[in-house]
C-alpha atoms as a PDB file:
ATOM      1  CA  MET A   1      80.160  85.411 115.432  1.00  0.00           C
ATOM      2  CA  ASP A   2      81.743  82.054 114.668  1.00  0.00           C
ATOM      3  CA  VAL A   3      84.964  82.582 112.845  1.00  0.00           C
ATOM      4  CA  GLN A   4      85.969  79.857 110.456  1.00  0.00           C
ATOM      5  CA  ILE A   5      89.706  79.375 110.063  1.00  0.00           C
ATOM      6  CA  VAL A   6      91.804  77.465 107.520  1.00  0.00           C
ATOM      7  CA  LEU A   7      95.363  76.587 108.424  1.00  0.00           C
ATOM      8  CA  GLY A   8      97.995  76.271 105.703  1.00  0.00           C
ATOM      9  CA  VAL A   9     100.209  73.233 105.796  1.00  0.00           C
ATOM     10  CA  THR A  10     103.298  73.774 107.949  1.00  0.00           C
ATOM     11  CA  SER A  11     106.182  71.864 109.342  1.00  0.00           C
ATOM     12  CA  HIS A  12     106.102  73.986 112.511  1.00  0.00           C
ATOM     13  CA  GLU A  13     104.257  73.314 115.796  1.00  0.00           C
ATOM     14  CA  TRP A  14     102.160  76.531 115.641  1.00  0.00           C
ATOM     15  CA  GLY A  15      99.574  74.917 113.521  1.00  0.00           C
ATOM     16  CA  SER A  16      98.739  71.994 115.769  1.00  0.00           C
ATOM     17  CA  ARG A  17      99.067  74.116 118.899  1.00  0.00           C
ATOM     18  CA  LEU A  18      96.635  76.678 117.452  1.00  0.00           C
ATOM     19  CA  ALA A  19      94.118  74.023 116.314  1.00  0.00           C
ATOM     20  CA  ASP A  20      94.200  72.287 119.720  1.00  0.00           C
ATOM     21  CA  TRP A  21      93.871  75.554 121.598  1.00  0.00           C
ATOM     22  CA  ILE A  22      90.845  76.656 119.524  1.00  0.00           C
ATOM     23  CA  ALA A  23      89.223  73.237 120.056  1.00  0.00           C
ATOM     24  CA  ASP A  24      89.834  73.401 123.852  1.00  0.00           C
ATOM     25  CA  HIS A  25      89.290  77.129 124.634  1.00  0.00           C
ATOM     26  CA  SER A  26      87.441  79.055 121.947  1.00  0.00           C
ATOM     27  CA  GLU A  27      83.689  79.375 121.785  1.00  0.00           C
ATOM     28  CA  ASN A  28      83.728  81.667 118.735  1.00  0.00           C
ATOM     29  CA  MET A  29      86.357  80.067 116.458  1.00  0.00           C
ATOM     30  CA  THR A  30      86.415  76.860 114.505  1.00  0.00           C
ATOM     31  CA  VAL A  31      89.244  75.361 112.469  1.00  0.00           C
ATOM     32  CA  ARG A  32      87.361  74.736 109.245  1.00  0.00           C
ATOM     33  CA  ASP A  33      90.221  72.869 107.623  1.00  0.00           C
ATOM     34  CA  ARG A  34      93.600  71.837 108.888  1.00  0.00           C
ATOM     35  CA  TYR A  35      96.600  72.119 106.629  1.00  0.00           C
ATOM     36  CA  ALA A  36      95.327  73.287 103.193  1.00  0.00           C
ATOM     37  CA  LEU A  37      97.967  72.131 100.741  1.00  0.00           C
ATOM     38  CA  GLU A  38      97.426  74.256  97.620  1.00  0.00           C
ATOM     39  CA  ALA A  39      96.013  77.616  96.488  1.00  0.00           C
ATOM     40  CA  SER A  40      92.989  75.795  95.005  1.00  0.00           C
ATOM     41  CA  ASP A  41      92.131  74.519  98.462  1.00  0.00           C
ATOM     42  CA  VAL A  42      91.966  77.957  99.957  1.00  0.00           C
ATOM     43  CA  LEU A  43      89.982  79.461  97.035  1.00  0.00           C
ATOM     44  CA  THR A  44      87.231  76.858  97.233  1.00  0.00           C
ATOM     45  CA  LEU A  45      86.755  76.411 100.975  1.00  0.00           C
ATOM     46  CA  ASP A  46      84.326  78.545 102.985  1.00  0.00           C
ATOM     47  CA  TYR A  47      86.143  80.414 105.812  1.00  0.00           C
ATOM     48  CA  ASP A  48      86.843  83.802 107.315  1.00  0.00           C
ATOM     49  CA  CYS A  49      90.570  83.740 107.866  1.00  0.00           C
ATOM     50  CA  LEU A  50      93.485  81.893 106.341  1.00  0.00           C
ATOM     51  CA  VAL A  51      96.639  81.422 108.454  1.00  0.00           C
ATOM     52  CA  LEU A  52      99.862  80.653 106.645  1.00  0.00           C
ATOM     53  CA  ASP A  53     103.498  80.772 107.725  1.00  0.00           C
ATOM     54  CA  HIS A  54     106.255  82.445 105.836  1.00  0.00           C
ATOM     55  CA  GLN A  55     107.304  79.156 104.233  1.00  0.00           C
ATOM     56  CA  ALA A  56     104.045  78.423 102.521  1.00  0.00           C
ATOM     57  CA  SER A  57     104.759  78.033  98.788  1.00  0.00           C
ATOM     58  CA  MET A  58     101.258  79.021  97.824  1.00  0.00           C
ATOM     59  CA  LEU A  59     101.552  82.444  99.548  1.00  0.00           C
ATOM     60  CA  THR A  60     101.845  85.000  96.731  1.00  0.00           C
ATOM     61  CA  SER A  61     100.541  88.509  96.339  1.00  0.00           C
ATOM     62  CA  GLN A  62      98.033  87.181  93.787  1.00  0.00           C
ATOM     63  CA  LEU A  63      96.642  84.736  96.345  1.00  0.00           C
ATOM     64  CA  VAL A  64      96.447  87.427  98.992  1.00  0.00           C
ATOM     65  CA  ALA A  65      94.591  89.742  96.589  1.00  0.00           C
ATOM     66  CA  ARG A  66      92.102  87.009  95.628  1.00  0.00           C
ATOM     67  CA  VAL A  67      91.465  86.039  99.259  1.00  0.00           C
ATOM     68  CA  HIS A  68      90.857  89.713 100.102  1.00  0.00           C
ATOM     69  CA  ARG A  69      88.598  90.176  97.109  1.00  0.00           C
ATOM     70  CA  ASP A  70      86.512  87.319  98.423  1.00  0.00           C
ATOM     71  CA  GLY A  71      86.184  89.226 101.735  1.00  0.00           C
ATOM     72  CA  ARG A  72      88.563  87.050 103.702  1.00  0.00           C
ATOM     73  CA  ALA A  73      91.513  87.839 105.941  1.00  0.00           C
ATOM     74  CA  ILE A  74      95.044  86.394 105.985  1.00  0.00           C
ATOM     75  CA  VAL A  75      97.317  86.194 108.972  1.00  0.00           C
ATOM     76  CA  GLY A  76     100.900  85.420 108.215  1.00  0.00           C
ATOM     77  CA  VAL A  77     103.208  83.617 110.684  1.00  0.00           C
ATOM     78  CA  ASP A  78     106.686  85.053 110.736  1.00  0.00           C
ATOM     79  CA  ASP A  79     109.884  83.707 112.230  1.00  0.00           C
ATOM     80  CA  PRO A  80     111.477  86.240 114.644  1.00  0.00           C
ATOM     81  CA  SER A  81     114.928  84.638 114.182  1.00  0.00           C
ATOM     82  CA  GLN A  82     114.604  85.726 110.454  1.00  0.00           C
ATOM     83  CA  PRO A  83     113.432  89.397 110.583  1.00  0.00           C
ATOM     84  CA  SER A  84     112.967  89.515 106.858  1.00  0.00           C
ATOM     85  CA  THR A  85     110.099  87.013 107.075  1.00  0.00           C
ATOM     86  CA  ARG A  86     107.844  89.600 108.658  1.00  0.00           C
ATOM     87  CA  GLU A  87     108.740  92.170 106.029  1.00  0.00           C
ATOM     88  CA  ASP A  88     108.206  89.615 103.297  1.00  0.00           C
ATOM     89  CA  LEU A  89     104.723  88.807 104.602  1.00  0.00           C
ATOM     90  CA  GLU A  90     103.775  92.484 104.969  1.00  0.00           C
ATOM     91  CA  ARG A  91     104.968  93.131 101.372  1.00  0.00           C
ATOM     92  CA  LEU A  92     102.710  90.351 100.169  1.00  0.00           C
ATOM     93  CA  GLY A  93      99.738  92.169 101.781  1.00  0.00           C
ATOM     94  CA  VAL A  94      98.697  89.918 104.615  1.00  0.00           C
ATOM     95  CA  ASP A  95      96.296  91.577 107.146  1.00  0.00           C
ATOM     96  CA  ALA A  96      98.591  90.906 110.155  1.00  0.00           C
ATOM     97  CA  THR A  97     101.531  88.847 111.250  1.00  0.00           C
ATOM     98  CA  VAL A  98     102.082  86.732 114.330  1.00  0.00           C
ATOM     99  CA  PRO A  99     105.483  85.444 115.502  1.00  0.00           C
ATOM    100  CA  ILE A 100     105.843  81.697 115.138  1.00  0.00           C
ATOM    101  CA  THR A 101     106.735  81.573 118.875  1.00  0.00           C
ATOM    102  CA  ALA A 102     103.535  83.317 119.938  1.00  0.00           C
ATOM    103  CA  GLU A 103     101.100  81.572 122.299  1.00  0.00           C
ATOM    104  CA  PRO A 104      97.927  80.245 120.633  1.00  0.00           C
ATOM    105  CA  ARG A 105      95.883  82.952 122.509  1.00  0.00           C
ATOM    106  CA  VAL A 106      97.849  85.606 120.686  1.00  0.00           C
ATOM    107  CA  PHE A 107      97.101  83.928 117.347  1.00  0.00           C
ATOM    108  CA  ALA A 108      93.432  83.789 118.227  1.00  0.00           C
ATOM    109  CA  GLU A 109      93.327  87.509 119.211  1.00  0.00           C
ATOM    110  CA  ARG A 110      95.062  88.566 115.993  1.00  0.00           C
ATOM    111  CA  ILE A 111      92.736  86.406 113.898  1.00  0.00           C
ATOM    112  CA  MET A 112      89.623  87.900 115.528  1.00  0.00           C
ATOM    113  CA  SER A 113      91.026  91.373 115.182  1.00  0.00           C
ATOM    114  CA  VAL A 114      91.622  91.110 111.386  1.00  0.00           C
ATOM    115  CA  VAL A 115      88.320  89.302 110.697  1.00  0.00           C
ATOM    116  CA  GLN A 116      86.417  92.005 112.521  1.00  0.00           C
ATOM    117  CA  ALA A 117      88.338  94.756 110.621  1.00  0.00           C
ATOM    118  CA  ARG A 118      87.552  93.202 107.160  1.00  0.00           C
ATOM    119  CA  PRO A 119      84.598  94.789 105.327  1.00  0.00           C
ATOM    120  CA  ASN A 120      81.403  92.838 105.097  1.00  0.00           C
ATOM    121  CA  ARG A 121      81.863  91.548 101.520  1.00  0.00           C
ATOM    122  CA  ALA A 122      78.268  90.368 101.091  1.00  0.00           C
ATOM    123  CA  PHE A 123      77.017  93.854 102.034  1.00  0.00           C
ATOM    124  CA  GLU A 124      79.478  95.510  99.697  1.00  0.00           C
ATOM    125  CA  ASP A 125      78.383  93.225  96.801  1.00  0.00           C
ATOM    126  CA  VAL A 126      74.796  94.143  97.247  1.00  0.00           C
ATOM    127  CA  ILE A 127      75.525  97.840  97.338  1.00  0.00           C
ATOM    128  CA  ALA A 128      77.785  97.570  94.284  1.00  0.00           C
ATOM    129  CA  ASP A 129      75.033  95.845  92.349  1.00  0.00           C
ATOM    130  CA  LEU A 130      72.414  98.501  93.101  1.00  0.00           C
ATOM    131  CA  ASP A 131      71.907 101.244  90.582  1.00  0.00           C
ATOM    132  CA  VAL A 132      71.480 104.088  93.062  1.00  0.00           C
ATOM    133  CA  GLY A 133      70.453 107.317  91.291  1.00  0.00           C
ATOM    134  CA  LEU A 134      69.505 110.524  92.894  1.00  0.00           C
ATOM    135  CA  ALA A 135      66.284 112.031  91.728  1.00  0.00           C
ATOM    136  CA  THR A 136      66.772 115.064  89.603  1.00  0.00           C
ATOM    137  CA  GLN A 137      64.112 117.543  88.638  1.00  0.00           C
ATOM    138  CA  GLY A 138      63.510 115.748  85.380  1.00  0.00           C
ATOM    139  CA  ASP A 139      62.908 112.453  87.233  1.00  0.00           C
ATOM    140  CA  ALA A 140      60.737 113.832  89.982  1.00  0.00           C
ATOM    141  CA  PRO A 141      56.978 114.131  89.752  1.00  0.00           C
ATOM    142  CA  ASP A 142      55.811 117.437  88.336  1.00  0.00           C
ATOM    143  CA  ASP A 143      54.485 118.757  91.619  1.00  0.00           C
ATOM    144  CA  VAL A 144      57.775 117.987  93.462  1.00  0.00           C
ATOM    145  CA  ALA A 145      59.924 119.456  90.647  1.00  0.00           C
ATOM    146  CA  ALA A 146      57.904 122.671  90.806  1.00  0.00           C
ATOM    147  CA  GLY A 147      58.457 122.887  94.524  1.00  0.00           C
ATOM    148  CA  GLY A 148      55.016 121.610  95.477  1.00  0.00           C
ATOM    149  CA  ASP A 149      54.129 119.387  98.386  1.00  0.00           C
ATOM    150  CA  ARG A 150      53.094 115.910  97.209  1.00  0.00           C
ATOM    151  CA  ASP A 151      50.981 115.385 100.295  1.00  0.00           C
ATOM    152  CA  ALA A 152      49.179 118.680 100.059  1.00  0.00           C
ATOM    153  CA  ASP A 153      45.534 118.783  99.022  1.00  0.00           C
ATOM    154  CA  PRO A 154      45.501 119.169  95.188  1.00  0.00           C
ATOM    155  CA  LYS A 155      42.694 121.734  95.450  1.00  0.00           C
ATOM    156  CA  GLN A 156      44.939 124.053  97.490  1.00  0.00           C
ATOM    157  CA  ARG A 157      47.829 123.924  94.942  1.00  0.00           C
ATOM    158  CA  ASP A 158      46.071 125.907  92.301  1.00  0.00           C
END
């Protein structure tokens, strides 16, 4: 599973540290886009996980809901020196948070965890589009509705 990641623009070092670590150490992650600037960027790109810090102006509950509806995950980066940043990210509905001071490996582990936990959106869309109906007696062939065996010899039914 190759996980595609988009990083939101940030003035903090976590973004470049994470991108460099993934390029050097990860065989199953790719930074699809570095430093998405606007919500329109993250809504049009193809990726599995968006990583934004608590200062990202585009991060709203509406954006989180849209990204989730598209089957994607969001990891929020909080600042431990400001405890309310983690609470704010959780209130917005991000899938997980990571302290801004965490090592890139911790970011990568959290990203993989939330991506694997997200439902398979493509599968859910197919299922939702199916009109699955259970056969009722009125829909079943006459011999089945009457309790007969469809595979039985018709001469033996009478």
